[in-house]
Amino acid sequence: IDSLCYPIRLAYQYWKLTGDASVFGEEWVQAIEMVLRTFKEHTLII
């Protein structure tokens, strides 16, 4: 799970430092949706 959190943390830090949200397009949204699905699947297993 930690490895799935890292890109989110990195993206947040990038946005916080630069204010640039242009990199968070449709591809980014799809990636985050996959991360969230994975979190949900792991939660159901436990």
Protein backbone atom coordinates (compact mmCIF):
# COMPACT_ATOMS: atom_id res chain seq x y z
CA ILE A 1 0.00 0.00 0.00
CA ASP A 2 2.86 2.39 0.78
CA SER A 3 4.09 2.18 -2.79
CA LEU A 4 0.63 3.19 -4.02
CA CYS A 5 0.63 6.21 -1.72
CA TYR A 6 3.98 7.55 -2.88
CA PRO A 7 2.83 8.97 -6.26
CA ILE A 8 -0.06 10.71 -4.52
CA ARG A 9 2.24 12.25 -1.93
CA LEU A 10 4.73 13.26 -4.61
CA ALA A 11 2.01 14.85 -6.74
CA TYR A 12 0.64 16.75 -3.76
CA GLN A 13 4.09 18.10 -2.90
CA TYR A 14 4.65 19.08 -6.54
CA TRP A 15 1.33 20.94 -6.66
CA LYS A 16 1.91 22.55 -3.27
CA LEU A 17 5.33 23.87 -4.28
CA THR A 18 4.51 24.93 -7.84
CA GLY A 19 0.77 25.55 -7.90
CA ASP A 20 0.81 23.79 -11.28
CA ALA A 21 -2.20 21.53 -11.75
CA SER A 22 -1.75 21.15 -15.50
CA VAL A 23 -0.10 17.75 -15.09
CA PHE A 24 -3.21 16.29 -13.45
CA GLY A 25 -5.21 15.48 -16.55
CA GLU A 26 -7.37 12.54 -17.54
CA GLU A 27 -4.48 10.06 -17.42
CA TRP A 28 -3.70 11.12 -13.85
CA VAL A 29 -7.35 10.74 -12.84
CA GLN A 30 -7.45 7.23 -14.32
CA ALA A 31 -4.30 6.27 -12.42
CA ILE A 32 -5.73 7.55 -9.14
CA GLU A 33 -8.98 5.68 -9.78
CA MET A 34 -6.95 2.47 -10.15
CA VAL A 35 -5.14 3.19 -6.89
CA LEU A 36 -8.47 3.73 -5.12
CA ARG A 37 -9.86 0.48 -6.54
CA THR A 38 -6.78 -1.35 -5.30
CA PHE A 39 -7.21 0.15 -1.83
CA LYS A 40 -10.84 -0.98 -1.77
CA GLU A 41 -9.96 -4.49 -2.93
CA HIS A 42 -7.31 -4.83 -0.21
CA THR A 43 -9.75 -3.54 2.39
CA LEU A 44 -12.29 -6.20 1.43
CA ILE A 45 -9.70 -8.97 1.75
CA ILE A 46 -8.80 -8.07 5.33
